[in-house]
Amino acid sequence: MRPAFTLLSLLLLAAHASAEEVVNVYSARHYDTDLALYDRFTEETGVVVNLIEGSSDGLIERIVNEGEFSPADMLITVDAGRLWRADEAGVFEPVQSDVLEARIPAHLRHPEGHWFGLSKRARVIVYNKEAGLPEGIDAYEDLADESLKGQVCMRSSGNIYNLSLLASLIEHRGAEAAESWASGVVANFSRDPQGNDSAQIRAVASGECGVSVANTYYIGRFMGSEDAADQDTVAGIGVLFPNQKGRGTHVNISGAGITRHAPNRDNAVKFLEYLTSDFAQRLFAEGNNEYPVHGTASGPIATLGEFREDEVDANVLGANQAAAVMAFDRAGWK
């Protein structure tokens, strides 16, 4: 005899069937090109991407508060330090995927599969092109040299990009040397830390300061802009990939992980693998001026040239974060 179904059980079955055809994504990336990726995934698989956007910290807190009832299948965020924060909060569930392991270098993913890098940004030194690159400057460490007194512009120490940069220096040089570097950079400030990376680039181009650091995708935005002021700005700067004679240039990532209580886990893994496909990686590069984790650079940033990247394990950028905060505080970096 066939079992009798109540209206409630039918509704529950329908909801379950529907859930198998969706993936619920919480994302701290706010780029139109990402929406094109989601649409393409739906076209290819029939799985609908439900998107909730917010700040990284806000989304992490939301997933933690929702607990086992969270509808989130995946968290996408920017910077390895934030991925580390999410992992520390118990957001992620380990994933084993031959596809992800083959496409993503080991230093750009969590060693146990908690999260995976999807795109890269290089943190480069920018300098005023008219004044020229200051003599003897070819590494991050050189920004603390006394010859640059009054010439350095920087973002605040609380900025996640600067925290990750100092975290990498702690890993390579030790905590004491990293703090000494931070103190030396503070002594070279031309102004108090302020603004985002775009503001640093504009300040360098205008001659307000001689050097700064910025993520390459900000430079790519200026390069691809049709605004005359932006073109003047990018024409006024030179770009140096630091530490090419040694460990390589610091890179950071956008990345994602599958949540611990993901209701649509299989779809989420499928989506995560899709984000490392040739199409998705090319769109990350050309649509948002990022470097792919799989494949070669394209779009405006490709004209900056090839470089050697620092292959430090991205997980340590989060693990050393607390030490970086304390070092910045003691150095007086506001």
C-alpha atoms as a PDB file:
ATOM      1  CA  MET A   1       0.000   0.000   0.000  1.00  0.00           C
ATOM      2  CA  ARG A   2       1.326   3.435  -0.905  1.00  0.00           C
ATOM      3  CA  PRO A   3       1.917   5.671   2.122  1.00  0.00           C
ATOM      4  CA  ALA A   4      -0.532   8.490   2.744  1.00  0.00           C
ATOM      5  CA  PHE A   5       0.920  11.992   2.477  1.00  0.00           C
ATOM      6  CA  THR A   6      -0.447  14.870   4.480  1.00  0.00           C
ATOM      7  CA  LEU A   7      -0.372  18.380   3.062  1.00  0.00           C
ATOM      8  CA  LEU A   8       2.433  19.226   5.507  1.00  0.00           C
ATOM      9  CA  SER A   9       4.580  16.296   4.404  1.00  0.00           C
ATOM     10  CA  LEU A  10       4.083  17.203   0.752  1.00  0.00           C
ATOM     11  CA  LEU A  11       5.164  20.764   1.443  1.00  0.00           C
ATOM     12  CA  LEU A  12       8.214  19.505   3.298  1.00  0.00           C
ATOM     13  CA  LEU A  13       9.141  17.209   0.412  1.00  0.00           C
ATOM     14  CA  ALA A  14       8.712  20.062  -2.071  1.00  0.00           C
ATOM     15  CA  ALA A  15      10.921  22.303   0.047  1.00  0.00           C
ATOM     16  CA  HIS A  16      13.564  19.568   0.231  1.00  0.00           C
ATOM     17  CA  ALA A  17      13.491  19.069  -3.535  1.00  0.00           C
ATOM     18  CA  SER A  18      13.762  22.803  -4.079  1.00  0.00           C
ATOM     19  CA  ALA A  19      16.666  23.036  -1.643  1.00  0.00           C
ATOM     20  CA  GLU A  20      18.643  20.576  -3.765  1.00  0.00           C
ATOM     21  CA  GLU A  21      18.551  23.037  -6.667  1.00  0.00           C
ATOM     22  CA  VAL A  22      19.908  26.092  -4.834  1.00  0.00           C
ATOM     23  CA  VAL A  23      23.103  27.219  -3.183  1.00  0.00           C
ATOM     24  CA  ASN A  24      22.957  29.963  -0.571  1.00  0.00           C
ATOM     25  CA  VAL A  25      25.984  32.241  -0.698  1.00  0.00           C
ATOM     26  CA  TYR A  26      26.936  34.847   1.893  1.00  0.00           C
ATOM     27  CA  SER A  27      29.435  37.152   0.193  1.00  0.00           C
ATOM     28  CA  ALA A  28      31.554  40.114   1.233  1.00  0.00           C
ATOM     29  CA  ARG A  29      32.539  40.690  -2.405  1.00  0.00           C
ATOM     30  CA  HIS A  30      30.413  43.391  -4.001  1.00  0.00           C
ATOM     31  CA  TYR A  31      31.265  43.282  -7.691  1.00  0.00           C
ATOM     32  CA  ASP A  32      28.893  43.132 -10.658  1.00  0.00           C
ATOM     33  CA  THR A  33      31.191  40.675 -12.392  1.00  0.00           C
ATOM     34  CA  ASP A  34      30.559  38.161  -9.605  1.00  0.00           C
ATOM     35  CA  LEU A  35      26.860  38.266 -10.466  1.00  0.00           C
ATOM     36  CA  ALA A  36      27.731  37.275 -14.019  1.00  0.00           C
ATOM     37  CA  LEU A  37      29.585  34.265 -12.610  1.00  0.00           C
ATOM     38  CA  TYR A  38      26.538  33.229 -10.596  1.00  0.00           C
ATOM     39  CA  ASP A  39      24.228  33.531 -13.605  1.00  0.00           C
ATOM     40  CA  ARG A  40      26.555  31.421 -15.741  1.00  0.00           C
ATOM     41  CA  PHE A  41      26.677  28.727 -13.049  1.00  0.00           C
ATOM     42  CA  THR A  42      22.875  28.568 -12.989  1.00  0.00           C
ATOM     43  CA  GLU A  43      22.739  28.323 -16.781  1.00  0.00           C
ATOM     44  CA  GLU A  44      25.195  25.426 -16.782  1.00  0.00           C
ATOM     45  CA  THR A  45      23.853  23.466 -13.804  1.00  0.00           C
ATOM     46  CA  GLY A  46      20.286  24.581 -13.108  1.00  0.00           C
ATOM     47  CA  VAL A  47      21.342  25.394  -9.523  1.00  0.00           C
ATOM     48  CA  VAL A  48      20.120  28.845  -8.469  1.00  0.00           C
ATOM     49  CA  VAL A  49      22.540  31.012  -6.494  1.00  0.00           C
ATOM     50  CA  ASN A  50      20.798  32.846  -3.652  1.00  0.00           C
ATOM     51  CA  LEU A  51      23.022  35.745  -2.618  1.00  0.00           C
ATOM     52  CA  ILE A  52      23.218  37.652   0.655  1.00  0.00           C
ATOM     53  CA  GLU A  53      25.810  40.436   0.748  1.00  0.00           C
ATOM     54  CA  GLY A  54      27.349  42.181   3.725  1.00  0.00           C
ATOM     55  CA  SER A  55      30.597  43.036   5.450  1.00  0.00           C
ATOM     56  CA  SER A  56      32.976  40.206   6.247  1.00  0.00           C
ATOM     57  CA  ASP A  57      32.707  40.581  10.006  1.00  0.00           C
ATOM     58  CA  GLY A  58      28.930  41.072   9.801  1.00  0.00           C
ATOM     59  CA  LEU A  59      28.434  37.909   7.773  1.00  0.00           C
ATOM     60  CA  ILE A  60      30.691  35.872  10.035  1.00  0.00           C
ATOM     61  CA  GLU A  61      28.721  37.044  13.071  1.00  0.00           C
ATOM     62  CA  ARG A  62      25.442  36.272  11.316  1.00  0.00           C
ATOM     63  CA  ILE A  63      26.457  32.702  10.474  1.00  0.00           C
ATOM     64  CA  VAL A  64      27.653  32.108  14.047  1.00  0.00           C
ATOM     65  CA  ASN A  65      24.414  33.496  15.480  1.00  0.00           C
ATOM     66  CA  GLU A  66      22.280  31.428  13.098  1.00  0.00           C
ATOM     67  CA  GLY A  67      24.086  28.296  14.230  1.00  0.00           C
ATOM     68  CA  GLU A  68      22.762  24.969  12.984  1.00  0.00           C
ATOM     69  CA  PHE A  69      19.749  26.726  11.463  1.00  0.00           C
ATOM     70  CA  SER A  70      21.832  28.907   9.163  1.00  0.00           C
ATOM     71  CA  PRO A  71      20.750  28.712   5.515  1.00  0.00           C
ATOM     72  CA  ALA A  72      24.280  29.666   4.426  1.00  0.00           C
ATOM     73  CA  ASP A  73      26.082  27.082   2.313  1.00  0.00           C
ATOM     74  CA  MET A  74      29.168  29.163   1.559  1.00  0.00           C
ATOM     75  CA  LEU A  75      30.968  32.243   2.829  1.00  0.00           C
ATOM     76  CA  ILE A  76      33.010  34.279   0.350  1.00  0.00           C
ATOM     77  CA  THR A  77      35.233  36.994   1.750  1.00  0.00           C
ATOM     78  CA  VAL A  78      38.301  39.087   1.023  1.00  0.00           C
ATOM     79  CA  ASP A  79      41.716  38.604   2.642  1.00  0.00           C
ATOM     80  CA  ALA A  80      43.224  35.511   4.209  1.00  0.00           C
ATOM     81  CA  GLY A  81      43.045  37.220   7.585  1.00  0.00           C
ATOM     82  CA  ARG A  82      39.247  37.306   7.400  1.00  0.00           C
ATOM     83  CA  LEU A  83      39.078  33.705   6.217  1.00  0.00           C
ATOM     84  CA  TRP A  84      41.162  32.819   9.255  1.00  0.00           C
ATOM     85  CA  ARG A  85      38.756  34.764  11.521  1.00  0.00           C
ATOM     86  CA  ALA A  86      35.797  32.854  10.093  1.00  0.00           C
ATOM     87  CA  ASP A  87      37.573  29.554  10.592  1.00  0.00           C
ATOM     88  CA  GLU A  88      38.450  30.437  14.170  1.00  0.00           C
ATOM     89  CA  ALA A  89      34.758  31.170  14.756  1.00  0.00           C
ATOM     90  CA  GLY A  90      33.885  27.657  13.590  1.00  0.00           C
ATOM     91  CA  VAL A  91      32.166  28.730  10.385  1.00  0.00           C
ATOM     92  CA  PHE A  92      33.754  26.262   7.949  1.00  0.00           C
ATOM     93  CA  GLU A  93      33.480  22.527   7.313  1.00  0.00           C
ATOM     94  CA  PRO A  94      36.475  20.751   5.710  1.00  0.00           C
ATOM     95  CA  VAL A  95      36.151  19.874   2.028  1.00  0.00           C
ATOM     96  CA  GLN A  96      38.076  17.215   0.151  1.00  0.00           C
ATOM     97  CA  SER A  97      38.122  17.911  -3.578  1.00  0.00           C
ATOM     98  CA  ASP A  98      40.623  16.658  -6.137  1.00  0.00           C
ATOM     99  CA  VAL A  99      39.522  19.496  -8.432  1.00  0.00           C
ATOM    100  CA  LEU A 100      40.272  22.205  -5.879  1.00  0.00           C
ATOM    101  CA  GLU A 101      43.566  20.642  -4.842  1.00  0.00           C
ATOM    102  CA  ALA A 102      44.672  20.397  -8.468  1.00  0.00           C
ATOM    103  CA  ARG A 103      43.715  23.954  -9.376  1.00  0.00           C
ATOM    104  CA  ILE A 104      44.646  25.921  -6.247  1.00  0.00           C
ATOM    105  CA  PRO A 105      48.280  26.035  -5.051  1.00  0.00           C
ATOM    106  CA  ALA A 106      48.766  24.642  -1.560  1.00  0.00           C
ATOM    107  CA  HIS A 107      49.867  27.975  -0.058  1.00  0.00           C
ATOM    108  CA  LEU A 108      46.577  29.595  -1.184  1.00  0.00           C
ATOM    109  CA  ARG A 109      44.243  27.167   0.579  1.00  0.00           C
ATOM    110  CA  HIS A 110      43.726  25.947   4.112  1.00  0.00           C
ATOM    111  CA  PRO A 111      45.909  22.917   4.828  1.00  0.00           C
ATOM    112  CA  GLU A 112      42.864  20.875   5.865  1.00  0.00           C
ATOM    113  CA  GLY A 113      40.438  22.210   3.249  1.00  0.00           C
ATOM    114  CA  HIS A 114      38.525  24.673   5.436  1.00  0.00           C
ATOM    115  CA  TRP A 115      38.777  27.441   2.824  1.00  0.00           C
ATOM    116  CA  PHE A 116      40.179  28.007  -0.654  1.00  0.00           C
ATOM    117  CA  GLY A 117      41.660  31.041  -2.394  1.00  0.00           C
ATOM    118  CA  LEU A 118      39.764  32.105  -5.521  1.00  0.00           C
ATOM    119  CA  SER A 119      41.657  35.181  -6.698  1.00  0.00           C
ATOM    120  CA  LYS A 120      44.805  37.102  -5.788  1.00  0.00           C
ATOM    121  CA  ARG A 121      45.891  40.692  -5.310  1.00  0.00           C
ATOM    122  CA  ALA A 122      49.543  41.704  -5.124  1.00  0.00           C
ATOM    123  CA  ARG A 123      50.510  44.437  -2.641  1.00  0.00           C
ATOM    124  CA  VAL A 124      52.996  46.594  -4.515  1.00  0.00           C
ATOM    125  CA  ILE A 125      55.015  49.744  -3.885  1.00  0.00           C
ATOM    126  CA  VAL A 126      53.796  52.748  -5.872  1.00  0.00           C
ATOM    127  CA  TYR A 127      56.012  55.802  -6.364  1.00  0.00           C
ATOM    128  CA  ASN A 128      55.771  59.221  -7.953  1.00  0.00           C
ATOM    129  CA  LYS A 129      56.851  58.742 -11.551  1.00  0.00           C
ATOM    130  CA  GLU A 130      58.162  62.277 -12.026  1.00  0.00           C
ATOM    131  CA  ALA A 131      60.372  62.059  -8.934  1.00  0.00           C
ATOM    132  CA  GLY A 132      61.358  58.493  -9.797  1.00  0.00           C
ATOM    133  CA  LEU A 133      61.866  55.435  -7.658  1.00  0.00           C
ATOM    134  CA  PRO A 134      63.947  56.433  -4.625  1.00  0.00           C
ATOM    135  CA  GLU A 135      67.444  55.035  -4.854  1.00  0.00           C
ATOM    136  CA  GLY A 136      67.975  51.685  -3.170  1.00  0.00           C
ATOM    137  CA  ILE A 137      64.280  50.872  -2.751  1.00  0.00           C
ATOM    138  CA  ASP A 138      63.354  47.374  -3.904  1.00  0.00           C
ATOM    139  CA  ALA A 139      61.707  45.723  -0.887  1.00  0.00           C
ATOM    140  CA  TYR A 140      59.011  46.383   1.717  1.00  0.00           C
ATOM    141  CA  GLU A 141      61.756  46.577   4.318  1.00  0.00           C
ATOM    142  CA  ASP A 142      63.212  49.620   2.515  1.00  0.00           C
ATOM    143  CA  LEU A 143      60.126  51.702   3.351  1.00  0.00           C
ATOM    144  CA  ALA A 144      61.603  52.055   6.846  1.00  0.00           C
ATOM    145  CA  ASP A 145      64.883  53.491   5.522  1.00  0.00           C
ATOM    146  CA  GLU A 146      65.728  56.955   6.882  1.00  0.00           C
ATOM    147  CA  SER A 147      66.206  58.234   3.328  1.00  0.00           C
ATOM    148  CA  LEU A 148      62.394  58.183   2.949  1.00  0.00           C
ATOM    149  CA  LYS A 149      61.695  60.427   5.921  1.00  0.00           C
ATOM    150  CA  GLY A 150      58.572  62.485   5.217  1.00  0.00           C
ATOM    151  CA  GLN A 151      57.803  60.631   1.989  1.00  0.00           C
ATOM    152  CA  VAL A 152      55.619  57.661   2.957  1.00  0.00           C
ATOM    153  CA  CYS A 153      51.799  57.580   2.830  1.00  0.00           C
ATOM    154  CA  MET A 154      49.914  54.623   4.320  1.00  0.00           C
ATOM    155  CA  ARG A 155      46.484  53.363   5.279  1.00  0.00           C
ATOM    156  CA  SER A 156      45.609  52.852   8.935  1.00  0.00           C
ATOM    157  CA  SER A 157      47.090  49.983  10.903  1.00  0.00           C
ATOM    158  CA  GLY A 158      43.611  48.534  11.406  1.00  0.00           C
ATOM    159  CA  ASN A 159      43.223  47.908   7.700  1.00  0.00           C
ATOM    160  CA  ILE A 160      43.179  44.169   7.016  1.00  0.00           C
ATOM    161  CA  TYR A 161      45.583  44.527   4.065  1.00  0.00           C
ATOM    162  CA  ASN A 162      48.219  46.149   6.271  1.00  0.00           C
ATOM    163  CA  LEU A 163      47.619  43.620   9.044  1.00  0.00           C
ATOM    164  CA  SER A 164      48.253  40.791   6.602  1.00  0.00           C
ATOM    165  CA  LEU A 165      51.353  42.469   5.202  1.00  0.00           C
ATOM    166  CA  LEU A 166      52.833  42.857   8.681  1.00  0.00           C
ATOM    167  CA  ALA A 167      51.763  39.294   9.517  1.00  0.00           C
ATOM    168  CA  SER A 168      53.825  38.094   6.555  1.00  0.00           C
ATOM    169  CA  LEU A 169      56.817  40.110   7.749  1.00  0.00           C
ATOM    170  CA  ILE A 170      56.450  38.545  11.191  1.00  0.00           C
ATOM    171  CA  GLU A 171      56.538  35.111   9.576  1.00  0.00           C
ATOM    172  CA  HIS A 172      59.621  35.876   7.492  1.00  0.00           C
ATOM    173  CA  ARG A 173      61.618  38.194   9.748  1.00  0.00           C
ATOM    174  CA  GLY A 174      60.329  37.566  13.252  1.00  0.00           C
ATOM    175  CA  ALA A 175      58.160  39.700  15.528  1.00  0.00           C
ATOM    176  CA  GLU A 176      60.943  41.989  16.744  1.00  0.00           C
ATOM    177  CA  ALA A 177      62.188  42.852  13.257  1.00  0.00           C
ATOM    178  CA  ALA A 178      58.636  43.372  11.994  1.00  0.00           C
ATOM    179  CA  GLU A 179      57.856  45.800  14.806  1.00  0.00           C
ATOM    180  CA  SER A 180      61.116  47.651  14.145  1.00  0.00           C
ATOM    181  CA  TRP A 181      60.047  47.958  10.501  1.00  0.00           C
ATOM    182  CA  ALA A 182      56.671  49.366  11.493  1.00  0.00           C
ATOM    183  CA  SER A 183      58.363  51.935  13.733  1.00  0.00           C
ATOM    184  CA  GLY A 184      60.679  52.946  10.896  1.00  0.00           C
ATOM    185  CA  VAL A 185      57.763  53.417   8.495  1.00  0.00           C
ATOM    186  CA  VAL A 186      55.913  55.545  11.068  1.00  0.00           C
ATOM    187  CA  ALA A 187      58.998  57.751  11.352  1.00  0.00           C
ATOM    188  CA  ASN A 188      58.842  58.260   7.570  1.00  0.00           C
ATOM    189  CA  PHE A 189      55.155  59.237   7.378  1.00  0.00           C
ATOM    190  CA  SER A 190      54.370  62.352   5.365  1.00  0.00           C
ATOM    191  CA  ARG A 191      50.909  62.501   6.968  1.00  0.00           C
ATOM    192  CA  ASP A 192      48.782  60.544   9.434  1.00  0.00           C
ATOM    193  CA  PRO A 193      47.361  57.306   8.019  1.00  0.00           C
ATOM    194  CA  GLN A 194      44.119  57.961   6.154  1.00  0.00           C
ATOM    195  CA  GLY A 195      42.011  56.852   3.201  1.00  0.00           C
ATOM    196  CA  ASN A 196      41.893  53.665   1.184  1.00  0.00           C
ATOM    197  CA  ASP A 197      44.349  52.346  -1.384  1.00  0.00           C
ATOM    198  CA  SER A 198      42.936  54.670  -4.055  1.00  0.00           C
ATOM    199  CA  ALA A 199      43.667  57.627  -1.794  1.00  0.00           C
ATOM    200  CA  GLN A 200      47.280  56.496  -1.381  1.00  0.00           C
ATOM    201  CA  ILE A 201      47.688  56.183  -5.148  1.00  0.00           C
ATOM    202  CA  ARG A 202      46.261  59.668  -5.725  1.00  0.00           C
ATOM    203  CA  ALA A 203      48.514  61.135  -3.036  1.00  0.00           C
ATOM    204  CA  VAL A 204      51.587  59.601  -4.668  1.00  0.00           C
ATOM    205  CA  ALA A 205      50.570  60.754  -8.146  1.00  0.00           C
ATOM    206  CA  SER A 206      49.998  64.322  -6.925  1.00  0.00           C
ATOM    207  CA  GLY A 207      53.355  64.456  -5.157  1.00  0.00           C
ATOM    208  CA  GLU A 208      51.840  64.742  -1.680  1.00  0.00           C
ATOM    209  CA  CYS A 209      54.032  61.795  -0.826  1.00  0.00           C
ATOM    210  CA  GLY A 210      56.724  59.898  -2.664  1.00  0.00           C
ATOM    211  CA  VAL A 211      55.838  56.258  -2.023  1.00  0.00           C
ATOM    212  CA  SER A 212      53.083  54.048  -0.681  1.00  0.00           C
ATOM    213  CA  VAL A 213      51.745  50.513  -0.986  1.00  0.00           C
ATOM    214  CA  ALA A 214      48.560  49.460  -2.747  1.00  0.00           C
ATOM    215  CA  ASN A 215      46.801  46.355  -3.969  1.00  0.00           C
ATOM    216  CA  THR A 216      47.111  45.859  -7.696  1.00  0.00           C
ATOM    217  CA  TYR A 217      43.387  45.708  -8.339  1.00  0.00           C
ATOM    218  CA  TYR A 218      43.084  49.358  -7.271  1.00  0.00           C
ATOM    219  CA  ILE A 219      45.710  50.234  -9.868  1.00  0.00           C
ATOM    220  CA  GLY A 220      43.805  48.165 -12.423  1.00  0.00           C
ATOM    221  CA  ARG A 221      40.674  50.204 -11.716  1.00  0.00           C
ATOM    222  CA  PHE A 222      42.510  53.422 -12.527  1.00  0.00           C
ATOM    223  CA  MET A 223      43.983  51.865 -15.646  1.00  0.00           C
ATOM    224  CA  GLY A 224      40.580  50.742 -16.913  1.00  0.00           C
ATOM    225  CA  SER A 225      38.737  53.956 -16.023  1.00  0.00           C
ATOM    226  CA  GLU A 226      37.471  56.306 -18.714  1.00  0.00           C
ATOM    227  CA  ASP A 227      37.684  59.256 -16.321  1.00  0.00           C
ATOM    228  CA  ALA A 228      40.424  61.694 -17.374  1.00  0.00           C
ATOM    229  CA  ALA A 229      41.395  62.366 -13.748  1.00  0.00           C
ATOM    230  CA  ASP A 230      41.911  58.661 -13.136  1.00  0.00           C
ATOM    231  CA  GLN A 231      44.053  58.383 -16.264  1.00  0.00           C
ATOM    232  CA  ASP A 232      46.167  61.311 -15.050  1.00  0.00           C
ATOM    233  CA  THR A 233      46.550  59.590 -11.690  1.00  0.00           C
ATOM    234  CA  VAL A 234      47.758  56.284 -13.101  1.00  0.00           C
ATOM    235  CA  ALA A 235      50.071  58.122 -15.501  1.00  0.00           C
ATOM    236  CA  GLY A 236      51.662  59.805 -12.491  1.00  0.00           C
ATOM    237  CA  ILE A 237      52.755  56.647 -10.688  1.00  0.00           C
ATOM    238  CA  GLY A 238      55.290  53.911 -11.159  1.00  0.00           C
ATOM    239  CA  VAL A 239      54.786  50.386  -9.817  1.00  0.00           C
ATOM    240  CA  LEU A 240      57.399  48.185  -8.149  1.00  0.00           C
ATOM    241  CA  PHE A 241      56.887  44.530  -7.259  1.00  0.00           C
ATOM    242  CA  PRO A 242      58.878  44.333  -4.012  1.00  0.00           C
ATOM    243  CA  ASN A 243      61.263  41.634  -2.818  1.00  0.00           C
ATOM    244  CA  GLN A 244      61.894  40.107  -6.225  1.00  0.00           C
ATOM    245  CA  LYS A 245      65.455  39.270  -5.195  1.00  0.00           C
ATOM    246  CA  GLY A 246      64.221  37.306  -2.211  1.00  0.00           C
ATOM    247  CA  ARG A 247      60.965  35.794  -1.023  1.00  0.00           C
ATOM    248  CA  GLY A 248      58.729  37.559  -3.562  1.00  0.00           C
ATOM    249  CA  THR A 249      55.877  40.066  -3.452  1.00  0.00           C
ATOM    250  CA  HIS A 250      53.167  39.716  -0.816  1.00  0.00           C
ATOM    251  CA  VAL A 251      49.848  38.487  -2.243  1.00  0.00           C
ATOM    252  CA  ASN A 252      46.489  38.198  -0.601  1.00  0.00           C
ATOM    253  CA  ILE A 253      43.342  36.441  -1.653  1.00  0.00           C
ATOM    254  CA  SER A 254      39.624  36.441  -1.957  1.00  0.00           C
ATOM    255  CA  GLY A 255      38.437  33.030  -0.872  1.00  0.00           C
ATOM    256  CA  ALA A 256      35.548  30.870   0.191  1.00  0.00           C
ATOM    257  CA  GLY A 257      34.639  27.934   2.365  1.00  0.00           C
ATOM    258  CA  ILE A 258      31.660  25.634   2.843  1.00  0.00           C
ATOM    259  CA  THR A 259      29.789  26.324   6.068  1.00  0.00           C
ATOM    260  CA  ARG A 260      29.543  23.768   8.844  1.00  0.00           C
ATOM    261  CA  HIS A 261      25.758  23.421   8.645  1.00  0.00           C
ATOM    262  CA  ALA A 262      25.384  23.875   4.871  1.00  0.00           C
ATOM    263  CA  PRO A 263      21.929  22.570   3.868  1.00  0.00           C
ATOM    264  CA  ASN A 264      22.994  22.238   0.223  1.00  0.00           C
ATOM    265  CA  ARG A 265      26.539  21.010   0.659  1.00  0.00           C
ATOM    266  CA  ASP A 266      26.882  19.113  -2.615  1.00  0.00           C
ATOM    267  CA  ASN A 267      25.710  22.114  -4.623  1.00  0.00           C
ATOM    268  CA  ALA A 268      28.078  24.335  -2.633  1.00  0.00           C
ATOM    269  CA  VAL A 269      31.070  22.121  -3.433  1.00  0.00           C
ATOM    270  CA  LYS A 270      30.048  22.089  -7.088  1.00  0.00           C
ATOM    271  CA  PHE A 271      29.826  25.890  -7.050  1.00  0.00           C
ATOM    272  CA  LEU A 272      33.182  26.253  -5.308  1.00  0.00           C
ATOM    273  CA  GLU A 273      34.814  24.056  -7.933  1.00  0.00           C
ATOM    274  CA  TYR A 274      33.130  26.087 -10.669  1.00  0.00           C
ATOM    275  CA  LEU A 275      34.700  29.268  -9.276  1.00  0.00           C
ATOM    276  CA  THR A 276      38.120  27.794 -10.103  1.00  0.00           C
ATOM    277  CA  SER A 277      37.141  26.972 -13.699  1.00  0.00           C
ATOM    278  CA  ASP A 278      38.904  28.670 -16.607  1.00  0.00           C
ATOM    279  CA  PHE A 279      35.864  30.862 -17.300  1.00  0.00           C
ATOM    280  CA  ALA A 280      35.445  32.006 -13.708  1.00  0.00           C
ATOM    281  CA  GLN A 281      39.153  32.633 -13.206  1.00  0.00           C
ATOM    282  CA  ARG A 282      39.323  34.724 -16.377  1.00  0.00           C
ATOM    283  CA  LEU A 283      36.329  36.784 -15.253  1.00  0.00           C
ATOM    284  CA  PHE A 284      37.925  37.391 -11.851  1.00  0.00           C
ATOM    285  CA  ALA A 285      40.975  38.707 -13.683  1.00  0.00           C
ATOM    286  CA  GLU A 286      39.364  40.761 -16.420  1.00  0.00           C
ATOM    287  CA  GLY A 287      36.262  41.860 -14.546  1.00  0.00           C
ATOM    288  CA  ASN A 288      37.831  42.951 -11.277  1.00  0.00           C
ATOM    289  CA  ASN A 289      41.538  43.319 -12.070  1.00  0.00           C
ATOM    290  CA  GLU A 290      42.593  40.402  -9.914  1.00  0.00           C
ATOM    291  CA  TYR A 291      45.132  37.667 -10.533  1.00  0.00           C
ATOM    292  CA  PRO A 292      43.695  34.173 -10.986  1.00  0.00           C
ATOM    293  CA  VAL A 293      44.798  31.397  -8.647  1.00  0.00           C
ATOM    294  CA  HIS A 294      44.555  29.084 -11.653  1.00  0.00           C
ATOM    295  CA  GLY A 295      45.714  30.301 -15.054  1.00  0.00           C
ATOM    296  CA  THR A 296      47.462  33.445 -16.251  1.00  0.00           C
ATOM    297  CA  ALA A 297      46.760  37.137 -15.720  1.00  0.00           C
ATOM    298  CA  SER A 298      44.711  39.073 -18.241  1.00  0.00           C
ATOM    299  CA  GLY A 299      43.147  42.513 -18.497  1.00  0.00           C
ATOM    300  CA  PRO A 300      44.819  45.789 -17.433  1.00  0.00           C
ATOM    301  CA  ILE A 301      46.929  44.333 -14.616  1.00  0.00           C
ATOM    302  CA  ALA A 302      48.616  41.939 -17.040  1.00  0.00           C
ATOM    303  CA  THR A 303      50.434  44.969 -18.446  1.00  0.00           C
ATOM    304  CA  LEU A 304      52.169  45.434 -15.085  1.00  0.00           C
ATOM    305  CA  GLY A 305      54.268  42.409 -15.964  1.00  0.00           C
ATOM    306  CA  GLU A 306      55.064  39.087 -14.369  1.00  0.00           C
ATOM    307  CA  PHE A 307      56.414  38.832 -10.851  1.00  0.00           C
ATOM    308  CA  ARG A 308      57.548  36.347  -8.260  1.00  0.00           C
ATOM    309  CA  GLU A 309      55.007  35.990  -5.462  1.00  0.00           C
ATOM    310  CA  ASP A 310      55.636  35.210  -1.824  1.00  0.00           C
ATOM    311  CA  GLU A 311      54.483  31.627  -1.294  1.00  0.00           C
ATOM    312  CA  VAL A 312      54.108  31.852   2.463  1.00  0.00           C
ATOM    313  CA  ASP A 313      51.150  29.814   3.696  1.00  0.00           C
ATOM    314  CA  ALA A 314      48.179  32.207   3.558  1.00  0.00           C
ATOM    315  CA  ASN A 315      46.862  30.736   6.813  1.00  0.00           C
ATOM    316  CA  VAL A 316      49.675  32.398   8.780  1.00  0.00           C
ATOM    317  CA  LEU A 317      48.412  35.820   7.674  1.00  0.00           C
ATOM    318  CA  GLY A 318      45.553  35.220  10.063  1.00  0.00           C
ATOM    319  CA  ALA A 319      47.478  33.287  12.677  1.00  0.00           C
ATOM    320  CA  ASN A 320      49.939  36.209  13.055  1.00  0.00           C
ATOM    321  CA  GLN A 321      47.206  38.842  13.037  1.00  0.00           C
ATOM    322  CA  ALA A 322      47.080  39.441  16.793  1.00  0.00           C
ATOM    323  CA  ALA A 323      50.847  39.879  16.913  1.00  0.00           C
ATOM    324  CA  ALA A 324      50.604  42.346  14.019  1.00  0.00           C
ATOM    325  CA  VAL A 325      47.993  44.423  15.858  1.00  0.00           C
ATOM    326  CA  MET A 326      50.206  44.663  18.927  1.00  0.00           C
ATOM    327  CA  ALA A 327      53.288  45.521  16.867  1.00  0.00           C
ATOM    328  CA  PHE A 328      51.443  48.327  15.070  1.00  0.00           C
ATOM    329  CA  ASP A 329      50.168  49.689  18.381  1.00  0.00           C
ATOM    330  CA  ARG A 330      53.613  49.727  19.955  1.00  0.00           C
ATOM    331  CA  ALA A 331      55.044  51.364  16.832  1.00  0.00           C
ATOM    332  CA  GLY A 332      52.504  54.206  17.063  1.00  0.00           C
ATOM    333  CA  TRP A 333      50.958  53.383  13.669  1.00  0.00           C
ATOM    334  CA  LYS A 334      47.439  54.797  14.029  1.00  0.00           C
END
